[in-house]
Amino acid sequence: MTLEPNSVYEKIITELPDGEKLKSCLQCGNCTGSCPSATDMDYAPRGLFALIAAGQDEKVLRANTFWYCVSCYQCTVRCPQEIPITDIMYHLKHQAIEKGLYTTDAKDFSGTFIGMVEHFGRSFELGLAAGFHLLHHPLESVKMAPMALGMMSRGRLKLLPKRIKNMGQLRAILDKAKEIGA
């Protein structure tokens, strides 16, 4: 495959450590099957990687997929080819920002997620989903209620957030990261 200069695919392959592993994607679907956010994504990871390989750069960078990635690393852990999927998602965020190709919905989701981590030290899935969907897709929130109740009844979704220990240490790390990034 000939790489187009500065294509999304070329940038992943050349700029990301282990990015060349994307070439070995089997399209097996383990990443998509492992993703807790796949149903909210324009293209689940498997579909996004197919678009990247097909050179559909603008479609890729306008997708909400990488913005909805919650960095749980389940896709990366379950990938038989050991593709650094979560790292690729971060890389795609940077490319979308660099080219100004993102939606405010996606940016809001990412900002809400980061706010949860800054406040609790971890994601609070119920608060994240409810807050985002009530703001951007209120009718979808109602449709999700049965699934949320089922997850709560099985202990898979907590009603209240739980803050990590040593939040002061995490805040110091996050403050230093912001300082470096500024």
C-alpha atoms as a PDB file:
ATOM      1  CA  MET A   1       0.000   0.000   0.000  1.00  0.00           C
ATOM      2  CA  THR A   2       1.351   3.414  -0.982  1.00  0.00           C
ATOM      3  CA  LEU A   3       0.901   5.967   1.755  1.00  0.00           C
ATOM      4  CA  GLU A   4      -0.359   9.412   0.843  1.00  0.00           C
ATOM      5  CA  PRO A   5       1.874  12.094   2.394  1.00  0.00           C
ATOM      6  CA  ASN A   6       0.319  13.460   5.586  1.00  0.00           C
ATOM      7  CA  SER A   7      -2.648  11.078   5.416  1.00  0.00           C
ATOM      8  CA  VAL A   8      -4.237   9.969   8.679  1.00  0.00           C
ATOM      9  CA  TYR A   9      -2.898   6.467   8.042  1.00  0.00           C
ATOM     10  CA  GLU A  10       0.649   7.672   7.325  1.00  0.00           C
ATOM     11  CA  LYS A  11       0.662   9.867  10.443  1.00  0.00           C
ATOM     12  CA  ILE A  12      -0.407   6.946  12.647  1.00  0.00           C
ATOM     13  CA  ILE A  13       2.199   4.640  11.092  1.00  0.00           C
ATOM     14  CA  THR A  14       5.080   7.132  11.262  1.00  0.00           C
ATOM     15  CA  GLU A  15       4.345   9.299  14.317  1.00  0.00           C
ATOM     16  CA  LEU A  16       2.899   6.868  16.848  1.00  0.00           C
ATOM     17  CA  PRO A  17       5.080   4.329  18.679  1.00  0.00           C
ATOM     18  CA  ASP A  18       3.862   0.908  17.485  1.00  0.00           C
ATOM     19  CA  GLY A  19       1.565   2.689  15.026  1.00  0.00           C
ATOM     20  CA  GLU A  20       2.819   0.402  12.271  1.00  0.00           C
ATOM     21  CA  LYS A  21       0.884  -2.404  13.972  1.00  0.00           C
ATOM     22  CA  LEU A  22      -2.268  -0.893  12.460  1.00  0.00           C
ATOM     23  CA  LYS A  23      -1.104  -2.494   9.197  1.00  0.00           C
ATOM     24  CA  SER A  24      -1.778  -5.900  10.768  1.00  0.00           C
ATOM     25  CA  CYS A  25      -5.443  -5.213  11.654  1.00  0.00           C
ATOM     26  CA  LEU A  26      -7.494  -8.329  10.844  1.00  0.00           C
ATOM     27  CA  GLN A  27     -10.874  -6.574  11.130  1.00  0.00           C
ATOM     28  CA  CYS A  28     -11.790  -9.273  13.694  1.00  0.00           C
ATOM     29  CA  GLY A  29     -14.064  -6.946  15.685  1.00  0.00           C
ATOM     30  CA  ASN A  30     -12.612  -7.662  19.147  1.00  0.00           C
ATOM     31  CA  CYS A  31     -12.046  -3.930  19.630  1.00  0.00           C
ATOM     32  CA  THR A  32     -15.640  -3.069  18.799  1.00  0.00           C
ATOM     33  CA  GLY A  33     -17.040  -5.941  20.874  1.00  0.00           C
ATOM     34  CA  SER A  34     -14.975  -4.776  23.855  1.00  0.00           C
ATOM     35  CA  CYS A  35     -15.869  -1.088  23.608  1.00  0.00           C
ATOM     36  CA  PRO A  36     -18.358   0.233  26.197  1.00  0.00           C
ATOM     37  CA  SER A  37     -18.961   3.340  24.055  1.00  0.00           C
ATOM     38  CA  ALA A  38     -19.325   1.646  20.652  1.00  0.00           C
ATOM     39  CA  THR A  39     -23.086   2.191  20.453  1.00  0.00           C
ATOM     40  CA  ASP A  40     -22.628   5.968  20.717  1.00  0.00           C
ATOM     41  CA  MET A  41     -19.860   6.142  18.118  1.00  0.00           C
ATOM     42  CA  ASP A  42     -20.371   7.164  14.498  1.00  0.00           C
ATOM     43  CA  TYR A  43     -18.045   4.292  13.598  1.00  0.00           C
ATOM     44  CA  ALA A  44     -16.985   1.667  16.106  1.00  0.00           C
ATOM     45  CA  PRO A  45     -13.200   1.096  16.194  1.00  0.00           C
ATOM     46  CA  ARG A  46     -13.271  -1.683  13.590  1.00  0.00           C
ATOM     47  CA  GLY A  47     -15.204   0.506  11.147  1.00  0.00           C
ATOM     48  CA  LEU A  48     -12.978   3.491  11.829  1.00  0.00           C
ATOM     49  CA  PHE A  49      -9.867   1.443  11.037  1.00  0.00           C
ATOM     50  CA  ALA A  50     -11.444   0.317   7.766  1.00  0.00           C
ATOM     51  CA  LEU A  51     -12.075   3.981   6.880  1.00  0.00           C
ATOM     52  CA  ILE A  52      -8.479   4.861   7.773  1.00  0.00           C
ATOM     53  CA  ALA A  53      -7.172   2.072   5.528  1.00  0.00           C
ATOM     54  CA  ALA A  54      -9.479   3.281   2.727  1.00  0.00           C
ATOM     55  CA  GLY A  55      -8.032   6.800   2.943  1.00  0.00           C
ATOM     56  CA  GLN A  56     -11.297   8.414   4.083  1.00  0.00           C
ATOM     57  CA  ASP A  57      -9.406  10.993   6.151  1.00  0.00           C
ATOM     58  CA  GLU A  58     -12.060  13.678   6.456  1.00  0.00           C
ATOM     59  CA  LYS A  59     -14.752  11.153   7.394  1.00  0.00           C
ATOM     60  CA  VAL A  60     -12.380   9.696   9.997  1.00  0.00           C
ATOM     61  CA  LEU A  61     -11.447  13.039  11.538  1.00  0.00           C
ATOM     62  CA  ARG A  62     -15.063  14.259  11.645  1.00  0.00           C
ATOM     63  CA  ALA A  63     -16.208  11.094  13.449  1.00  0.00           C
ATOM     64  CA  ASN A  64     -17.055  11.174  17.136  1.00  0.00           C
ATOM     65  CA  THR A  65     -15.405   7.783  17.717  1.00  0.00           C
ATOM     66  CA  PHE A  66     -12.163   8.880  19.347  1.00  0.00           C
ATOM     67  CA  TRP A  67     -13.964  11.548  21.387  1.00  0.00           C
ATOM     68  CA  TYR A  68     -16.229   8.879  22.879  1.00  0.00           C
ATOM     69  CA  CYS A  69     -13.310   6.600  23.727  1.00  0.00           C
ATOM     70  CA  VAL A  70     -13.181   6.332  27.523  1.00  0.00           C
ATOM     71  CA  SER A  71      -9.601   5.003  27.554  1.00  0.00           C
ATOM     72  CA  CYS A  72     -10.508   1.755  29.298  1.00  0.00           C
ATOM     73  CA  TYR A  73      -7.922  -0.102  27.156  1.00  0.00           C
ATOM     74  CA  GLN A  74     -10.187  -3.151  26.790  1.00  0.00           C
ATOM     75  CA  CYS A  75      -9.831  -2.930  22.996  1.00  0.00           C
ATOM     76  CA  THR A  76      -6.052  -2.790  23.227  1.00  0.00           C
ATOM     77  CA  VAL A  77      -5.845  -5.681  25.697  1.00  0.00           C
ATOM     78  CA  ARG A  78      -8.131  -7.882  23.593  1.00  0.00           C
ATOM     79  CA  CYS A  79      -6.559  -7.126  20.213  1.00  0.00           C
ATOM     80  CA  PRO A  80      -4.912 -10.299  18.851  1.00  0.00           C
ATOM     81  CA  GLN A  81      -2.487  -8.149  16.830  1.00  0.00           C
ATOM     82  CA  GLU A  82      -1.538  -5.971  19.843  1.00  0.00           C
ATOM     83  CA  ILE A  83      -2.512  -2.780  18.018  1.00  0.00           C
ATOM     84  CA  PRO A  84      -2.280   0.245  20.375  1.00  0.00           C
ATOM     85  CA  ILE A  85      -5.918   1.171  19.727  1.00  0.00           C
ATOM     86  CA  THR A  86      -6.370   3.585  22.633  1.00  0.00           C
ATOM     87  CA  ASP A  87      -3.163   5.390  21.664  1.00  0.00           C
ATOM     88  CA  ILE A  88      -4.451   5.641  18.085  1.00  0.00           C
ATOM     89  CA  MET A  89      -7.673   7.213  19.420  1.00  0.00           C
ATOM     90  CA  TYR A  90      -5.650   9.907  21.224  1.00  0.00           C
ATOM     91  CA  HIS A  91      -3.596  10.470  18.087  1.00  0.00           C
ATOM     92  CA  LEU A  92      -6.773  10.912  16.026  1.00  0.00           C
ATOM     93  CA  LYS A  93      -8.056  13.503  18.522  1.00  0.00           C
ATOM     94  CA  HIS A  94      -4.891  15.513  17.988  1.00  0.00           C
ATOM     95  CA  GLN A  95      -5.195  15.236  14.218  1.00  0.00           C
ATOM     96  CA  ALA A  96      -8.856  16.360  14.334  1.00  0.00           C
ATOM     97  CA  ILE A  97      -7.979  19.340  16.527  1.00  0.00           C
ATOM     98  CA  GLU A  98      -5.037  20.226  14.301  1.00  0.00           C
ATOM     99  CA  LYS A  99      -7.331  20.332  11.255  1.00  0.00           C
ATOM    100  CA  GLY A 100     -10.346  21.834  13.095  1.00  0.00           C
ATOM    101  CA  LEU A 101     -12.519  18.818  12.261  1.00  0.00           C
ATOM    102  CA  TYR A 102     -14.581  17.989  15.316  1.00  0.00           C
ATOM    103  CA  THR A 103     -18.080  18.583  16.627  1.00  0.00           C
ATOM    104  CA  THR A 104     -18.976  20.376  19.823  1.00  0.00           C
ATOM    105  CA  ASP A 105     -20.917  17.262  20.945  1.00  0.00           C
ATOM    106  CA  ALA A 106     -17.735  15.218  20.855  1.00  0.00           C
ATOM    107  CA  LYS A 107     -15.694  17.934  22.528  1.00  0.00           C
ATOM    108  CA  ASP A 108     -18.373  18.261  25.253  1.00  0.00           C
ATOM    109  CA  PHE A 109     -18.280  14.502  25.896  1.00  0.00           C
ATOM    110  CA  SER A 110     -14.512  14.546  26.198  1.00  0.00           C
ATOM    111  CA  GLY A 111     -14.653  17.596  28.476  1.00  0.00           C
ATOM    112  CA  THR A 112     -17.286  15.961  30.698  1.00  0.00           C
ATOM    113  CA  PHE A 113     -15.144  12.841  30.984  1.00  0.00           C
ATOM    114  CA  ILE A 114     -12.053  14.859  31.895  1.00  0.00           C
ATOM    115  CA  GLY A 115     -14.072  16.823  34.471  1.00  0.00           C
ATOM    116  CA  MET A 116     -15.169  13.573  36.117  1.00  0.00           C
ATOM    117  CA  VAL A 117     -11.585  12.349  36.324  1.00  0.00           C
ATOM    118  CA  GLU A 118     -10.452  15.675  37.770  1.00  0.00           C
ATOM    119  CA  HIS A 119     -13.229  15.624  40.373  1.00  0.00           C
ATOM    120  CA  PHE A 120     -13.419  11.922  41.307  1.00  0.00           C
ATOM    121  CA  GLY A 121     -10.135  10.506  40.013  1.00  0.00           C
ATOM    122  CA  ARG A 122     -12.021   8.169  37.686  1.00  0.00           C
ATOM    123  CA  SER A 123     -14.926   8.077  35.320  1.00  0.00           C
ATOM    124  CA  PHE A 124     -18.438   7.946  36.712  1.00  0.00           C
ATOM    125  CA  GLU A 125     -20.266   6.185  33.899  1.00  0.00           C
ATOM    126  CA  LEU A 126     -23.827   6.952  34.959  1.00  0.00           C
ATOM    127  CA  GLY A 127     -23.095  10.634  35.465  1.00  0.00           C
ATOM    128  CA  LEU A 128     -21.155  10.827  32.221  1.00  0.00           C
ATOM    129  CA  ALA A 129     -23.832   9.142  30.125  1.00  0.00           C
ATOM    130  CA  ALA A 130     -26.765  10.856  31.803  1.00  0.00           C
ATOM    131  CA  GLY A 131     -25.233  14.321  31.732  1.00  0.00           C
ATOM    132  CA  PHE A 132     -24.108  14.106  28.146  1.00  0.00           C
ATOM    133  CA  HIS A 133     -27.234  12.466  26.746  1.00  0.00           C
ATOM    134  CA  LEU A 134     -29.644  14.697  28.647  1.00  0.00           C
ATOM    135  CA  LEU A 135     -27.856  17.726  27.236  1.00  0.00           C
ATOM    136  CA  HIS A 136     -27.379  16.553  23.649  1.00  0.00           C
ATOM    137  CA  HIS A 137     -29.794  13.648  23.052  1.00  0.00           C
ATOM    138  CA  PRO A 138     -32.587  13.805  25.664  1.00  0.00           C
ATOM    139  CA  LEU A 139     -34.851  11.302  23.888  1.00  0.00           C
ATOM    140  CA  GLU A 140     -32.019   8.773  23.673  1.00  0.00           C
ATOM    141  CA  SER A 141     -31.638   9.013  27.469  1.00  0.00           C
ATOM    142  CA  VAL A 142     -35.150   7.681  27.960  1.00  0.00           C
ATOM    143  CA  LYS A 143     -34.456   4.749  25.628  1.00  0.00           C
ATOM    144  CA  MET A 144     -31.338   3.858  27.620  1.00  0.00           C
ATOM    145  CA  ALA A 145     -33.114   3.678  30.991  1.00  0.00           C
ATOM    146  CA  PRO A 146     -33.981  -0.069  30.856  1.00  0.00           C
ATOM    147  CA  MET A 147     -30.382  -0.974  30.060  1.00  0.00           C
ATOM    148  CA  ALA A 148     -29.091   1.281  32.849  1.00  0.00           C
ATOM    149  CA  LEU A 149     -31.500  -0.245  35.368  1.00  0.00           C
ATOM    150  CA  GLY A 150     -30.446  -3.747  34.316  1.00  0.00           C
ATOM    151  CA  MET A 151     -26.786  -2.842  34.727  1.00  0.00           C
ATOM    152  CA  MET A 152     -27.457  -1.322  38.150  1.00  0.00           C
ATOM    153  CA  SER A 153     -29.362  -4.410  39.307  1.00  0.00           C
ATOM    154  CA  ARG A 154     -26.335  -6.550  38.378  1.00  0.00           C
ATOM    155  CA  GLY A 155     -23.842  -4.227  40.084  1.00  0.00           C
ATOM    156  CA  ARG A 156     -22.294  -3.176  36.751  1.00  0.00           C
ATOM    157  CA  LEU A 157     -23.289   0.496  37.047  1.00  0.00           C
ATOM    158  CA  LYS A 158     -23.016   2.509  40.239  1.00  0.00           C
ATOM    159  CA  LEU A 159     -25.674   5.014  41.222  1.00  0.00           C
ATOM    160  CA  LEU A 160     -23.198   7.313  42.990  1.00  0.00           C
ATOM    161  CA  PRO A 161     -19.602   8.178  42.126  1.00  0.00           C
ATOM    162  CA  LYS A 162     -16.734   6.996  44.260  1.00  0.00           C
ATOM    163  CA  ARG A 163     -13.688   9.211  44.681  1.00  0.00           C
ATOM    164  CA  ILE A 164     -10.228   7.618  44.633  1.00  0.00           C
ATOM    165  CA  LYS A 165      -7.824   7.838  47.551  1.00  0.00           C
ATOM    166  CA  ASN A 166      -5.065  10.433  47.405  1.00  0.00           C
ATOM    167  CA  MET A 167      -6.906  12.891  45.157  1.00  0.00           C
ATOM    168  CA  GLY A 168      -4.270  15.477  46.101  1.00  0.00           C
ATOM    169  CA  GLN A 169      -1.587  13.431  44.357  1.00  0.00           C
ATOM    170  CA  LEU A 170      -3.727  13.042  41.247  1.00  0.00           C
ATOM    171  CA  ARG A 171      -4.490  16.768  41.185  1.00  0.00           C
ATOM    172  CA  ALA A 172      -0.764  17.538  41.409  1.00  0.00           C
ATOM    173  CA  ILE A 173      -0.098  15.205  38.452  1.00  0.00           C
ATOM    174  CA  LEU A 174      -2.940  16.726  36.418  1.00  0.00           C
ATOM    175  CA  ASP A 175      -1.813  20.269  37.243  1.00  0.00           C
ATOM    176  CA  LYS A 176       1.735  19.445  36.128  1.00  0.00           C
ATOM    177  CA  ALA A 177       0.407  17.872  32.902  1.00  0.00           C
ATOM    178  CA  LYS A 178      -1.636  21.030  32.202  1.00  0.00           C
ATOM    179  CA  GLU A 179       1.414  23.180  32.886  1.00  0.00           C
ATOM    180  CA  ILE A 180       3.546  21.121  30.468  1.00  0.00           C
ATOM    181  CA  GLY A 181       0.795  21.099  27.841  1.00  0.00           C
ATOM    182  CA  ALA A 182       0.229  24.872  27.971  1.00  0.00           C
END
